[in-house]
Amino acid sequence: MELIQNLFSFIMHIDQHLVEIIQQFGVWSYGIIFSIVFVETGIVIFPFLPGDSLLFASGAFAALGAFNLPILLLVFFIAAVFGDSVNYEIGRKVGTAISPKSFLGRIINQERMQKAQDFFNKHGGKTIIFARFMPFIRTFIPFVAGASRMHYRQFIMYNIIGAFLWVSICTLTGYFFGNIPIIKDNFSKVILIIIFVSVLPAIIGFLKSRVKK
């Protein structure tokens, strides 16, 4: 329970925690935020780590000079591409062999995995781009692509395009708008809005499926 509370605090007050990270680790902060994005996109059992909010907050700090913007964008881009590639390989190696009763099978939420599979089947390779902007689903889609034996050349093309769009849009939005007084003074509420907007497509898809049923 304490771990969940700490994680929730980190996500909702990510601006405050980033200040602490920058002050304590200096240039090594790039490595820390790289690791967070890499794990969130690359390890299928960690879909709850911050993604969109971390990019937005880091962009806001880059506008204040805490990060170098070109380096920040490059760090996030590499982390996102490598993360999805690792996730794809994990899915290709073990995706179809996971038993629901195994340790990994119990950790991975089968319902979310099924939603990711349905989303992937409906939209094909473009799913990899769309999923970048959808928390939780973006962690499962590369895994599903690997398990579905999607050709890697096709996957990496969509992976690169999706990573570029996701990193650019989220980080630059924070860079240009994150320090506007009304946003800066209500950062936690802004993070909630970002999370809500990110999951809105999944909510709409779920409601549509319920209506059809």
N, C-alpha and C. Protein backbone atom coordinates (compact mmCIF):
# COMPACT_ATOMS: atom_id res chain seq x y z
N MET A 1 0.83 -1.20 0.00
CA MET A 1 0.00 0.00 0.00
C MET A 1 0.87 1.26 0.00
N GLU A 2 1.95 1.24 0.78
CA GLU A 2 2.83 2.39 0.84
C GLU A 2 3.49 2.66 -0.51
N LEU A 3 3.83 1.56 -1.22
CA LEU A 3 4.43 1.69 -2.54
C LEU A 3 3.47 2.37 -3.50
N ILE A 4 2.20 1.98 -3.43
CA ILE A 4 1.18 2.58 -4.30
C ILE A 4 1.00 4.06 -3.99
N GLN A 5 1.00 4.38 -2.70
CA GLN A 5 0.86 5.78 -2.29
C GLN A 5 2.04 6.61 -2.77
N ASN A 6 3.24 6.06 -2.65
CA ASN A 6 4.44 6.78 -3.11
C ASN A 6 4.42 6.98 -4.62
N LEU A 7 3.97 5.95 -5.33
CA LEU A 7 3.89 6.06 -6.78
C LEU A 7 2.87 7.10 -7.19
N PHE A 8 1.71 7.09 -6.51
CA PHE A 8 0.66 8.07 -6.80
C PHE A 8 1.18 9.49 -6.52
N SER A 9 1.90 9.64 -5.43
CA SER A 9 2.47 10.95 -5.09
C SER A 9 3.48 11.39 -6.14
N PHE A 10 4.29 10.44 -6.62
CA PHE A 10 5.29 10.78 -7.64
C PHE A 10 4.63 11.25 -8.92
N ILE A 11 3.53 10.60 -9.30
CA ILE A 11 2.83 10.97 -10.54
C ILE A 11 2.13 12.32 -10.38
N MET A 12 1.41 12.50 -9.28
CA MET A 12 0.61 13.70 -9.09
C MET A 12 1.46 14.93 -8.76
N HIS A 13 2.62 14.71 -8.16
CA HIS A 13 3.50 15.82 -7.79
C HIS A 13 4.84 15.65 -8.48
N ILE A 14 4.78 15.27 -9.73
CA ILE A 14 6.01 14.95 -10.45
C ILE A 14 6.90 16.17 -10.61
N ASP A 15 6.31 17.37 -10.63
CA ASP A 15 7.12 18.58 -10.73
C ASP A 15 8.01 18.73 -9.49
N GLN A 16 7.46 18.46 -8.32
CA GLN A 16 8.24 18.56 -7.08
C GLN A 16 9.33 17.49 -7.03
N HIS A 17 8.99 16.29 -7.46
CA HIS A 17 9.97 15.21 -7.43
C HIS A 17 11.08 15.42 -8.46
N LEU A 18 10.73 16.02 -9.58
CA LEU A 18 11.75 16.32 -10.58
C LEU A 18 12.75 17.35 -10.07
N VAL A 19 12.23 18.31 -9.31
CA VAL A 19 13.13 19.30 -8.69
C VAL A 19 14.14 18.60 -7.80
N GLU A 20 13.66 17.66 -6.98
CA GLU A 20 14.54 16.92 -6.08
C GLU A 20 15.56 16.10 -6.87
N ILE A 21 15.11 15.46 -7.95
CA ILE A 21 16.01 14.64 -8.76
C ILE A 21 17.09 15.52 -9.40
N ILE A 22 16.68 16.65 -9.96
CA ILE A 22 17.63 17.55 -10.63
C ILE A 22 18.64 18.10 -9.63
N GLN A 23 18.16 18.51 -8.46
CA GLN A 23 19.06 19.07 -7.45
C GLN A 23 20.04 18.03 -6.91
N GLN A 24 19.58 16.80 -6.78
CA GLN A 24 20.41 15.75 -6.19
C GLN A 24 21.35 15.10 -7.20
N PHE A 25 20.91 14.93 -8.44
CA PHE A 25 21.69 14.16 -9.39
C PHE A 25 22.26 14.97 -10.55
N GLY A 26 21.84 16.21 -10.70
CA GLY A 26 22.40 17.05 -11.75
C GLY A 26 22.26 16.43 -13.14
N VAL A 27 23.38 16.31 -13.86
CA VAL A 27 23.35 15.81 -15.23
C VAL A 27 22.89 14.35 -15.30
N TRP A 28 23.05 13.61 -14.20
CA TRP A 28 22.60 12.22 -14.17
C TRP A 28 21.08 12.11 -14.17
N SER A 29 20.40 13.24 -14.03
CA SER A 29 18.93 13.24 -14.10
C SER A 29 18.45 12.72 -15.45
N TYR A 30 19.24 12.98 -16.50
CA TYR A 30 18.88 12.47 -17.82
C TYR A 30 18.79 10.95 -17.79
N GLY A 31 19.72 10.33 -17.09
CA GLY A 31 19.73 8.88 -16.99
C GLY A 31 18.52 8.34 -16.24
N ILE A 32 18.09 9.08 -15.20
CA ILE A 32 16.95 8.65 -14.40
C ILE A 32 15.66 8.72 -15.21
N ILE A 33 15.44 9.85 -15.89
CA ILE A 33 14.21 9.97 -16.67
C ILE A 33 14.24 9.04 -17.89
N PHE A 34 15.44 8.79 -18.42
CA PHE A 34 15.57 7.79 -19.49
C PHE A 34 15.09 6.43 -18.99
N SER A 35 15.53 6.06 -17.78
CA SER A 35 15.18 4.75 -17.21
C SER A 35 13.69 4.63 -16.98
N ILE A 36 13.06 5.71 -16.52
CA ILE A 36 11.62 5.66 -16.25
C ILE A 36 10.84 5.42 -17.54
N VAL A 37 11.17 6.17 -18.58
CA VAL A 37 10.47 6.00 -19.86
C VAL A 37 10.76 4.64 -20.47
N PHE A 38 12.02 4.21 -20.38
CA PHE A 38 12.40 2.91 -20.93
C PHE A 38 11.64 1.77 -20.25
N VAL A 39 11.58 1.80 -18.93
CA VAL A 39 10.89 0.73 -18.19
C VAL A 39 9.39 0.80 -18.44
N GLU A 40 8.82 2.01 -18.45
CA GLU A 40 7.37 2.15 -18.65
C GLU A 40 6.93 1.62 -20.01
N THR A 41 7.77 1.79 -21.03
CA THR A 41 7.42 1.33 -22.37
C THR A 41 7.98 -0.05 -22.68
N GLY A 42 9.04 -0.45 -21.98
CA GLY A 42 9.75 -1.66 -22.35
C GLY A 42 9.48 -2.89 -21.52
N ILE A 43 9.00 -2.72 -20.30
CA ILE A 43 8.76 -3.86 -19.42
C ILE A 43 7.27 -3.96 -19.16
N VAL A 44 6.67 -5.02 -19.64
CA VAL A 44 5.21 -5.12 -19.69
C VAL A 44 4.55 -5.11 -18.32
N ILE A 45 5.29 -5.39 -17.25
CA ILE A 45 4.69 -5.42 -15.92
C ILE A 45 4.75 -4.07 -15.22
N PHE A 46 5.23 -3.01 -15.92
CA PHE A 46 5.32 -1.68 -15.31
C PHE A 46 4.54 -0.63 -16.10
N PRO A 47 3.27 -0.87 -16.41
CA PRO A 47 2.52 0.11 -17.20
C PRO A 47 2.08 1.33 -16.40
N PHE A 48 2.25 1.27 -15.06
CA PHE A 48 1.74 2.32 -14.19
C PHE A 48 2.74 3.45 -13.96
N LEU A 49 3.95 3.33 -14.50
CA LEU A 49 4.92 4.40 -14.34
C LEU A 49 4.50 5.62 -15.16
N PRO A 50 4.90 6.83 -14.74
CA PRO A 50 4.47 8.03 -15.47
C PRO A 50 5.13 8.13 -16.84
N GLY A 51 4.35 8.52 -17.83
CA GLY A 51 4.87 8.70 -19.18
C GLY A 51 4.59 10.09 -19.68
N ASP A 52 3.33 10.34 -20.06
CA ASP A 52 2.94 11.65 -20.58
C ASP A 52 3.28 12.77 -19.59
N SER A 53 2.95 12.55 -18.32
CA SER A 53 3.16 13.59 -17.31
C SER A 53 4.65 13.87 -17.12
N LEU A 54 5.49 12.84 -17.21
CA LEU A 54 6.93 13.03 -17.07
C LEU A 54 7.48 13.85 -18.23
N LEU A 55 7.04 13.55 -19.44
CA LEU A 55 7.48 14.32 -20.60
C LEU A 55 7.05 15.78 -20.49
N PHE A 56 5.80 15.99 -20.09
CA PHE A 56 5.27 17.35 -19.96
C PHE A 56 6.05 18.14 -18.91
N ALA A 57 6.22 17.53 -17.74
CA ALA A 57 6.92 18.22 -16.65
C ALA A 57 8.38 18.49 -17.01
N SER A 58 9.03 17.54 -17.65
CA SER A 58 10.44 17.73 -18.04
C SER A 58 10.56 18.85 -19.07
N GLY A 59 9.58 18.93 -19.98
CA GLY A 59 9.59 20.03 -20.94
C GLY A 59 9.46 21.38 -20.26
N ALA A 60 8.61 21.43 -19.22
CA ALA A 60 8.44 22.68 -18.47
C ALA A 60 9.74 23.08 -17.78
N PHE A 61 10.47 22.10 -17.25
CA PHE A 61 11.75 22.40 -16.59
C PHE A 61 12.82 22.77 -17.61
N ALA A 62 12.72 22.22 -18.81
CA ALA A 62 13.67 22.59 -19.86
C ALA A 62 13.52 24.07 -20.22
N ALA A 63 12.28 24.57 -20.18
CA ALA A 63 12.04 25.98 -20.46
C ALA A 63 12.67 26.88 -19.41
N LEU A 64 12.89 26.33 -18.21
CA LEU A 64 13.52 27.09 -17.13
C LEU A 64 15.03 26.91 -17.11
N GLY A 65 15.55 26.07 -18.01
CA GLY A 65 16.99 25.87 -18.10
C GLY A 65 17.51 24.68 -17.33
N ALA A 66 16.62 23.91 -16.70
CA ALA A 66 17.06 22.76 -15.91
C ALA A 66 17.52 21.62 -16.81
N PHE A 67 16.94 21.52 -18.00
CA PHE A 67 17.35 20.54 -18.99
C PHE A 67 17.67 21.25 -20.30
N ASN A 68 18.56 20.64 -21.08
CA ASN A 68 18.81 21.11 -22.43
C ASN A 68 17.77 20.48 -23.34
N LEU A 69 16.96 21.29 -24.00
CA LEU A 69 15.81 20.76 -24.73
C LEU A 69 16.19 19.74 -25.81
N PRO A 70 17.15 20.02 -26.70
CA PRO A 70 17.50 19.01 -27.71
C PRO A 70 17.98 17.70 -27.09
N ILE A 71 18.79 17.79 -26.04
CA ILE A 71 19.26 16.56 -25.37
C ILE A 71 18.09 15.83 -24.73
N LEU A 72 17.18 16.57 -24.11
CA LEU A 72 16.02 15.98 -23.46
C LEU A 72 15.17 15.23 -24.47
N LEU A 73 14.90 15.85 -25.60
CA LEU A 73 14.10 15.21 -26.65
C LEU A 73 14.78 13.94 -27.15
N LEU A 74 16.09 14.01 -27.33
CA LEU A 74 16.84 12.84 -27.81
C LEU A 74 16.81 11.71 -26.79
N VAL A 75 16.99 12.05 -25.52
CA VAL A 75 16.97 11.04 -24.45
C VAL A 75 15.62 10.34 -24.41
N PHE A 76 14.54 11.10 -24.45
CA PHE A 76 13.21 10.52 -24.41
C PHE A 76 12.94 9.67 -25.66
N PHE A 77 13.37 10.17 -26.82
CA PHE A 77 13.14 9.45 -28.07
C PHE A 77 13.84 8.10 -28.07
N ILE A 78 15.10 8.09 -27.67
CA ILE A 78 15.86 6.83 -27.63
C ILE A 78 15.24 5.87 -26.62
N ALA A 79 14.87 6.39 -25.46
CA ALA A 79 14.26 5.54 -24.43
C ALA A 79 12.96 4.92 -24.93
N ALA A 80 12.16 5.72 -25.62
CA ALA A 80 10.86 5.23 -26.12
C ALA A 80 11.04 4.17 -27.20
N VAL A 81 11.96 4.41 -28.13
CA VAL A 81 12.19 3.45 -29.22
C VAL A 81 12.79 2.16 -28.68
N PHE A 82 13.81 2.27 -27.84
CA PHE A 82 14.43 1.08 -27.25
C PHE A 82 13.45 0.31 -26.37
N GLY A 83 12.64 1.06 -25.61
CA GLY A 83 11.68 0.42 -24.72
C GLY A 83 10.68 -0.44 -25.49
N ASP A 84 10.09 0.13 -26.53
CA ASP A 84 9.13 -0.63 -27.32
C ASP A 84 9.80 -1.82 -28.02
N SER A 85 11.05 -1.63 -28.46
CA SER A 85 11.76 -2.72 -29.14
C SER A 85 12.01 -3.89 -28.19
N VAL A 86 12.40 -3.58 -26.96
CA VAL A 86 12.62 -4.63 -25.97
C VAL A 86 11.30 -5.34 -25.65
N ASN A 87 10.24 -4.55 -25.51
CA ASN A 87 8.93 -5.10 -25.22
C ASN A 87 8.47 -6.03 -26.35
N TYR A 88 8.73 -5.61 -27.57
CA TYR A 88 8.40 -6.44 -28.74
C TYR A 88 9.13 -7.78 -28.67
N GLU A 89 10.42 -7.74 -28.34
CA GLU A 89 11.21 -8.97 -28.27
C GLU A 89 10.72 -9.89 -27.16
N ILE A 90 10.33 -9.29 -26.04
CA ILE A 90 9.78 -10.10 -24.94
C ILE A 90 8.51 -10.79 -25.39
N GLY A 91 7.64 -10.03 -26.06
CA GLY A 91 6.40 -10.61 -26.56
C GLY A 91 6.66 -11.70 -27.59
N ARG A 92 7.65 -11.50 -28.45
CA ARG A 92 7.95 -12.49 -29.49
C ARG A 92 8.50 -13.78 -28.89
N LYS A 93 9.26 -13.63 -27.79
CA LYS A 93 9.89 -14.81 -27.17
C LYS A 93 8.92 -15.59 -26.29
N VAL A 94 8.14 -14.86 -25.48
CA VAL A 94 7.34 -15.56 -24.46
C VAL A 94 5.86 -15.23 -24.49
N GLY A 95 5.44 -14.35 -25.40
CA GLY A 95 4.06 -13.87 -25.38
C GLY A 95 3.01 -14.94 -25.43
N THR A 96 3.19 -15.92 -26.30
CA THR A 96 2.18 -16.96 -26.45
C THR A 96 2.38 -18.12 -25.49
N ALA A 97 3.45 -18.07 -24.70
CA ALA A 97 3.75 -19.20 -23.81
C ALA A 97 3.47 -18.90 -22.34
N ILE A 98 2.93 -17.70 -22.07
CA ILE A 98 2.66 -17.33 -20.68
C ILE A 98 1.42 -18.04 -20.16
N SER A 99 1.58 -18.77 -19.09
CA SER A 99 0.44 -19.44 -18.46
C SER A 99 -0.23 -18.47 -17.48
N PRO A 100 -1.57 -18.41 -17.49
CA PRO A 100 -2.27 -17.52 -16.55
C PRO A 100 -1.92 -17.82 -15.10
N LYS A 101 -1.48 -19.05 -14.82
CA LYS A 101 -1.17 -19.43 -13.44
C LYS A 101 0.28 -19.15 -13.08
N SER A 102 1.10 -18.75 -14.05
CA SER A 102 2.51 -18.48 -13.78
C SER A 102 2.67 -17.15 -13.08
N PHE A 103 3.89 -16.89 -12.57
CA PHE A 103 4.16 -15.62 -11.88
C PHE A 103 3.89 -14.44 -12.80
N LEU A 104 4.44 -14.51 -14.04
CA LEU A 104 4.25 -13.42 -14.99
C LEU A 104 2.80 -13.31 -15.42
N GLY A 105 2.14 -14.46 -15.56
CA GLY A 105 0.74 -14.46 -15.95
C GLY A 105 -0.15 -13.80 -14.92
N ARG A 106 0.21 -13.94 -13.64
CA ARG A 106 -0.58 -13.30 -12.58
C ARG A 106 -0.32 -11.81 -12.52
N ILE A 107 0.91 -11.39 -12.87
CA ILE A 107 1.25 -9.97 -12.81
C ILE A 107 0.59 -9.21 -13.96
N ILE A 108 0.65 -9.82 -15.16
CA ILE A 108 0.08 -9.15 -16.33
C ILE A 108 -1.44 -9.23 -16.27
N ASN A 109 -2.07 -8.08 -16.37
CA ASN A 109 -3.52 -8.02 -16.33
C ASN A 109 -4.07 -8.56 -17.64
N GLN A 110 -4.71 -9.73 -17.59
CA GLN A 110 -5.18 -10.38 -18.80
C GLN A 110 -6.28 -9.57 -19.51
N GLU A 111 -7.07 -8.86 -18.74
CA GLU A 111 -8.14 -8.06 -19.35
C GLU A 111 -7.55 -6.94 -20.19
N ARG A 112 -6.53 -6.26 -19.64
CA ARG A 112 -5.89 -5.20 -20.40
C ARG A 112 -5.16 -5.75 -21.62
N MET A 113 -4.55 -6.93 -21.44
CA MET A 113 -3.88 -7.57 -22.56
C MET A 113 -4.87 -7.87 -23.68
N GLN A 114 -6.06 -8.32 -23.32
CA GLN A 114 -7.07 -8.63 -24.32
C GLN A 114 -7.53 -7.37 -25.03
N LYS A 115 -7.69 -6.28 -24.27
CA LYS A 115 -8.07 -5.01 -24.88
C LYS A 115 -7.01 -4.55 -25.86
N ALA A 116 -5.74 -4.72 -25.47
CA ALA A 116 -4.64 -4.34 -26.35
C ALA A 116 -4.66 -5.20 -27.62
N GLN A 117 -4.93 -6.50 -27.44
CA GLN A 117 -4.98 -7.41 -28.58
C GLN A 117 -6.12 -7.01 -29.53
N ASP A 118 -7.29 -6.70 -28.99
CA ASP A 118 -8.44 -6.29 -29.80
C ASP A 118 -8.13 -4.99 -30.55
N PHE A 119 -7.49 -4.05 -29.84
CA PHE A 119 -7.13 -2.77 -30.43
C PHE A 119 -6.14 -2.98 -31.57
N PHE A 120 -5.19 -3.87 -31.35
CA PHE A 120 -4.16 -4.17 -32.34
C PHE A 120 -4.78 -4.83 -33.57
N ASN A 121 -5.69 -5.77 -33.35
CA ASN A 121 -6.33 -6.46 -34.46
C ASN A 121 -7.18 -5.52 -35.30
N LYS A 122 -7.75 -4.52 -34.66
CA LYS A 122 -8.64 -3.58 -35.35
C LYS A 122 -7.86 -2.57 -36.19
N HIS A 123 -6.76 -2.04 -35.63
CA HIS A 123 -6.06 -0.94 -36.29
C HIS A 123 -4.73 -1.35 -36.93
N GLY A 124 -4.27 -2.57 -36.71
CA GLY A 124 -3.03 -3.03 -37.32
C GLY A 124 -1.81 -2.27 -36.83
N GLY A 125 -0.85 -2.06 -37.73
CA GLY A 125 0.42 -1.42 -37.35
C GLY A 125 0.26 -0.01 -36.82
N LYS A 126 -0.79 0.69 -37.27
CA LYS A 126 -1.01 2.06 -36.80
C LYS A 126 -1.29 2.10 -35.30
N THR A 127 -1.68 0.94 -34.76
CA THR A 127 -1.93 0.85 -33.32
C THR A 127 -0.70 1.28 -32.53
N ILE A 128 0.48 0.95 -33.01
CA ILE A 128 1.72 1.27 -32.30
C ILE A 128 1.87 2.77 -32.16
N ILE A 129 1.40 3.52 -33.17
CA ILE A 129 1.45 4.99 -33.09
C ILE A 129 0.36 5.50 -32.16
N PHE A 130 -0.87 5.03 -32.36
CA PHE A 130 -1.99 5.48 -31.52
C PHE A 130 -1.73 5.19 -30.04
N ALA A 131 -1.19 4.00 -29.78
CA ALA A 131 -1.03 3.55 -28.39
C ALA A 131 -0.04 4.39 -27.62
N ARG A 132 0.87 5.06 -28.30
CA ARG A 132 1.84 5.92 -27.62
C ARG A 132 1.16 6.93 -26.71
N PHE A 133 -0.04 7.35 -27.10
CA PHE A 133 -0.74 8.40 -26.36
C PHE A 133 -1.78 7.83 -25.41
N MET A 134 -1.71 6.52 -25.14
CA MET A 134 -2.68 5.87 -24.28
C MET A 134 -1.98 5.12 -23.16
N PRO A 135 -2.00 5.65 -21.94
CA PRO A 135 -1.35 4.97 -20.81
C PRO A 135 -1.84 3.54 -20.66
N PHE A 136 -1.00 2.68 -20.14
CA PHE A 136 -1.26 1.25 -19.96
C PHE A 136 -1.25 0.52 -21.31
N ILE A 137 -2.11 0.94 -22.23
CA ILE A 137 -2.19 0.25 -23.52
C ILE A 137 -0.87 0.34 -24.26
N ARG A 138 -0.17 1.48 -24.15
CA ARG A 138 1.10 1.62 -24.88
C ARG A 138 2.16 0.64 -24.36
N THR A 139 2.00 0.19 -23.12
CA THR A 139 2.95 -0.78 -22.59
C THR A 139 2.67 -2.18 -23.12
N PHE A 140 1.40 -2.48 -23.39
CA PHE A 140 1.03 -3.82 -23.81
C PHE A 140 1.10 -4.02 -25.33
N ILE A 141 0.90 -2.96 -26.11
CA ILE A 141 0.83 -3.10 -27.57
C ILE A 141 2.12 -3.66 -28.18
N PRO A 142 3.32 -3.17 -27.81
CA PRO A 142 4.53 -3.78 -28.39
C PRO A 142 4.66 -5.25 -28.04
N PHE A 143 4.25 -5.60 -26.83
CA PHE A 143 4.26 -7.00 -26.40
C PHE A 143 3.34 -7.83 -27.29
N VAL A 144 2.13 -7.30 -27.54
CA VAL A 144 1.17 -7.99 -28.40
C VAL A 144 1.70 -8.10 -29.83
N ALA A 145 2.34 -7.02 -30.32
CA ALA A 145 2.90 -7.04 -31.67
C ALA A 145 3.94 -8.14 -31.80
N GLY A 146 4.78 -8.29 -30.78
CA GLY A 146 5.78 -9.35 -30.80
C GLY A 146 5.16 -10.72 -30.73
N ALA A 147 4.18 -10.87 -29.85
CA ALA A 147 3.51 -12.17 -29.71
C ALA A 147 2.75 -12.54 -30.97
N SER A 148 2.29 -11.53 -31.72
CA SER A 148 1.55 -11.77 -32.96
C SER A 148 2.48 -11.99 -34.14
N ARG A 149 3.78 -11.95 -33.89
CA ARG A 149 4.80 -12.17 -34.92
C ARG A 149 4.74 -11.11 -36.03
N MET A 150 4.43 -9.87 -35.65
CA MET A 150 4.48 -8.77 -36.60
C MET A 150 5.91 -8.63 -37.10
N HIS A 151 6.09 -8.39 -38.39
CA HIS A 151 7.43 -8.27 -38.95
C HIS A 151 8.15 -7.09 -38.31
N TYR A 152 9.41 -7.32 -37.89
CA TYR A 152 10.12 -6.28 -37.12
C TYR A 152 10.36 -5.02 -37.94
N ARG A 153 10.62 -5.15 -39.22
CA ARG A 153 10.85 -3.95 -40.04
C ARG A 153 9.62 -3.07 -40.06
N GLN A 154 8.46 -3.68 -40.12
CA GLN A 154 7.22 -2.91 -40.07
C GLN A 154 7.03 -2.31 -38.69
N PHE A 155 7.32 -3.11 -37.66
CA PHE A 155 7.16 -2.64 -36.29
C PHE A 155 8.06 -1.45 -36.00
N ILE A 156 9.33 -1.53 -36.37
CA ILE A 156 10.28 -0.47 -36.01
C ILE A 156 9.93 0.84 -36.71
N MET A 157 9.34 0.76 -37.92
CA MET A 157 8.93 1.98 -38.62
C MET A 157 7.84 2.70 -37.82
N TYR A 158 6.81 1.95 -37.43
CA TYR A 158 5.74 2.55 -36.62
C TYR A 158 6.26 2.97 -35.25
N ASN A 159 7.19 2.20 -34.71
CA ASN A 159 7.78 2.50 -33.41
C ASN A 159 8.46 3.87 -33.44
N ILE A 160 9.28 4.10 -34.46
CA ILE A 160 10.03 5.36 -34.57
C ILE A 160 9.08 6.54 -34.77
N ILE A 161 8.11 6.37 -35.65
CA ILE A 161 7.16 7.45 -35.90
C ILE A 161 6.37 7.78 -34.63
N GLY A 162 5.88 6.74 -33.96
CA GLY A 162 5.10 6.95 -32.74
C GLY A 162 5.91 7.61 -31.64
N ALA A 163 7.16 7.15 -31.47
CA ALA A 163 8.02 7.71 -30.43
C ALA A 163 8.30 9.18 -30.72
N PHE A 164 8.58 9.50 -31.98
CA PHE A 164 8.87 10.89 -32.35
C PHE A 164 7.68 11.80 -32.07
N LEU A 165 6.49 11.37 -32.46
CA LEU A 165 5.30 12.18 -32.24
C LEU A 165 4.99 12.33 -30.75
N TRP A 166 5.05 11.22 -30.02
CA TRP A 166 4.73 11.25 -28.59
C TRP A 166 5.69 12.15 -27.82
N VAL A 167 6.97 11.94 -28.03
CA VAL A 167 7.98 12.72 -27.31
C VAL A 167 7.90 14.19 -27.69
N SER A 168 7.78 14.47 -28.97
CA SER A 168 7.74 15.86 -29.43
C SER A 168 6.53 16.60 -28.89
N ILE A 169 5.34 16.00 -29.04
CA ILE A 169 4.11 16.68 -28.64
C ILE A 169 4.05 16.90 -27.13
N CYS A 170 4.31 15.85 -26.36
CA CYS A 170 4.19 15.97 -24.90
C CYS A 170 5.27 16.87 -24.30
N THR A 171 6.50 16.71 -24.76
CA THR A 171 7.60 17.50 -24.19
C THR A 171 7.51 18.96 -24.60
N LEU A 172 7.23 19.23 -25.87
CA LEU A 172 7.15 20.61 -26.34
C LEU A 172 5.92 21.33 -25.79
N THR A 173 4.85 20.58 -25.53
CA THR A 173 3.68 21.20 -24.89
C THR A 173 4.07 21.70 -23.50
N GLY A 174 4.82 20.87 -22.76
CA GLY A 174 5.30 21.29 -21.45
C GLY A 174 6.27 22.46 -21.56
N TYR A 175 7.11 22.43 -22.58
CA TYR A 175 8.11 23.49 -22.77
C TYR A 175 7.46 24.85 -23.01
N PHE A 176 6.44 24.87 -23.84
CA PHE A 176 5.82 26.15 -24.21
C PHE A 176 4.70 26.59 -23.27
N PHE A 177 4.06 25.63 -22.60
CA PHE A 177 2.89 26.00 -21.79
C PHE A 177 3.02 25.65 -20.31
N GLY A 178 4.02 24.85 -19.95
CA GLY A 178 4.11 24.36 -18.58
C GLY A 178 4.37 25.42 -17.53
N ASN A 179 4.91 26.57 -17.95
CA ASN A 179 5.25 27.61 -16.97
C ASN A 179 4.30 28.80 -17.01
N ILE A 180 3.20 28.65 -17.73
CA ILE A 180 2.15 29.67 -17.65
C ILE A 180 1.60 29.65 -16.23
N PRO A 181 1.48 30.81 -15.58
CA PRO A 181 1.12 30.85 -14.16
C PRO A 181 -0.06 29.98 -13.76
N ILE A 182 -1.15 30.01 -14.54
CA ILE A 182 -2.34 29.24 -14.14
C ILE A 182 -2.06 27.74 -14.21
N ILE A 183 -1.18 27.32 -15.12
CA ILE A 183 -0.81 25.91 -15.21
C ILE A 183 0.20 25.55 -14.13
N LYS A 184 1.19 26.41 -13.94
CA LYS A 184 2.23 26.16 -12.95
C LYS A 184 1.66 26.09 -11.54
N ASP A 185 0.64 26.93 -11.26
CA ASP A 185 0.06 26.97 -9.91
C ASP A 185 -0.95 25.83 -9.69
N ASN A 186 -1.34 25.14 -10.74
CA ASN A 186 -2.30 24.05 -10.61
C ASN A 186 -1.76 22.80 -11.32
N PHE A 187 -0.49 22.51 -11.07
CA PHE A 187 0.19 21.46 -11.82
C PHE A 187 -0.44 20.10 -11.61
N SER A 188 -0.84 19.80 -10.39
CA SER A 188 -1.46 18.50 -10.11
C SER A 188 -2.75 18.32 -10.88
N LYS A 189 -3.54 19.37 -10.97
CA LYS A 189 -4.79 19.31 -11.72
C LYS A 189 -4.50 19.13 -13.21
N VAL A 190 -3.46 19.81 -13.69
CA VAL A 190 -3.08 19.66 -15.09
C VAL A 190 -2.67 18.23 -15.39
N ILE A 191 -1.93 17.61 -14.46
CA ILE A 191 -1.52 16.21 -14.63
C ILE A 191 -2.75 15.31 -14.72
N LEU A 192 -3.75 15.57 -13.88
CA LEU A 192 -4.99 14.80 -13.93
C LEU A 192 -5.68 14.95 -15.29
N ILE A 193 -5.67 16.18 -15.80
CA ILE A 193 -6.28 16.43 -17.11
C ILE A 193 -5.53 15.67 -18.20
N ILE A 194 -4.19 15.70 -18.12
CA ILE A 194 -3.37 14.98 -19.10
C ILE A 194 -3.68 13.49 -19.07
N ILE A 195 -3.77 12.94 -17.86
CA ILE A 195 -4.07 11.52 -17.72
C ILE A 195 -5.46 11.21 -18.29
N PHE A 196 -6.42 12.09 -17.97
CA PHE A 196 -7.79 11.87 -18.46
C PHE A 196 -7.85 11.92 -19.98
N VAL A 197 -7.22 12.92 -20.56
CA VAL A 197 -7.21 13.06 -22.03
C VAL A 197 -6.52 11.85 -22.66
N SER A 198 -5.48 11.35 -22.01
CA SER A 198 -4.74 10.21 -22.55
C SER A 198 -5.57 8.94 -22.57
N VAL A 199 -6.37 8.74 -21.53
CA VAL A 199 -7.17 7.50 -21.45
C VAL A 199 -8.54 7.66 -22.11
N LEU A 200 -8.88 8.89 -22.55
CA LEU A 200 -10.20 9.14 -23.14
C LEU A 200 -10.49 8.25 -24.35
N PRO A 201 -9.52 8.05 -25.29
CA PRO A 201 -9.81 7.16 -26.42
C PRO A 201 -10.17 5.75 -25.97
N ALA A 202 -9.48 5.25 -24.94
CA ALA A 202 -9.79 3.90 -24.43
C ALA A 202 -11.19 3.87 -23.82
N ILE A 203 -11.57 4.93 -23.11
CA ILE A 203 -12.91 5.00 -22.50
C ILE A 203 -13.98 5.02 -23.59
N ILE A 204 -13.74 5.82 -24.64
CA ILE A 204 -14.71 5.91 -25.73
C ILE A 204 -14.85 4.56 -26.43
N GLY A 205 -13.70 3.90 -26.66
CA GLY A 205 -13.73 2.58 -27.28
C GLY A 205 -14.50 1.59 -26.45
N PHE A 206 -14.28 1.63 -25.13
CA PHE A 206 -14.99 0.72 -24.23
C PHE A 206 -16.50 0.97 -24.26
N LEU A 207 -16.90 2.25 -24.24
CA LEU A 207 -18.32 2.59 -24.26
C LEU A 207 -18.96 2.16 -25.57
N LYS A 208 -18.24 2.34 -26.68
CA LYS A 208 -18.78 1.93 -27.97
C LYS A 208 -19.00 0.42 -28.01
N SER A 209 -18.04 -0.33 -27.45
CA SER A 209 -18.18 -1.78 -27.45
C SER A 209 -19.36 -2.22 -26.59
N ARG A 210 -19.58 -1.50 -25.48
CA ARG A 210 -20.72 -1.84 -24.61
C ARG A 210 -22.04 -1.54 -25.31
N VAL A 211 -22.07 -0.42 -26.06
CA VAL A 211 -23.30 -0.03 -26.77
C VAL A 211 -23.63 -1.08 -27.83
N LYS A 212 -22.60 -1.54 -28.55
CA LYS A 212 -22.81 -2.54 -29.60
C LYS A 212 -23.36 -3.83 -29.01
N LYS A 213 -22.83 -4.20 -27.81
CA LYS A 213 -23.30 -5.42 -27.16
C LYS A 213 -24.74 -5.27 -26.71
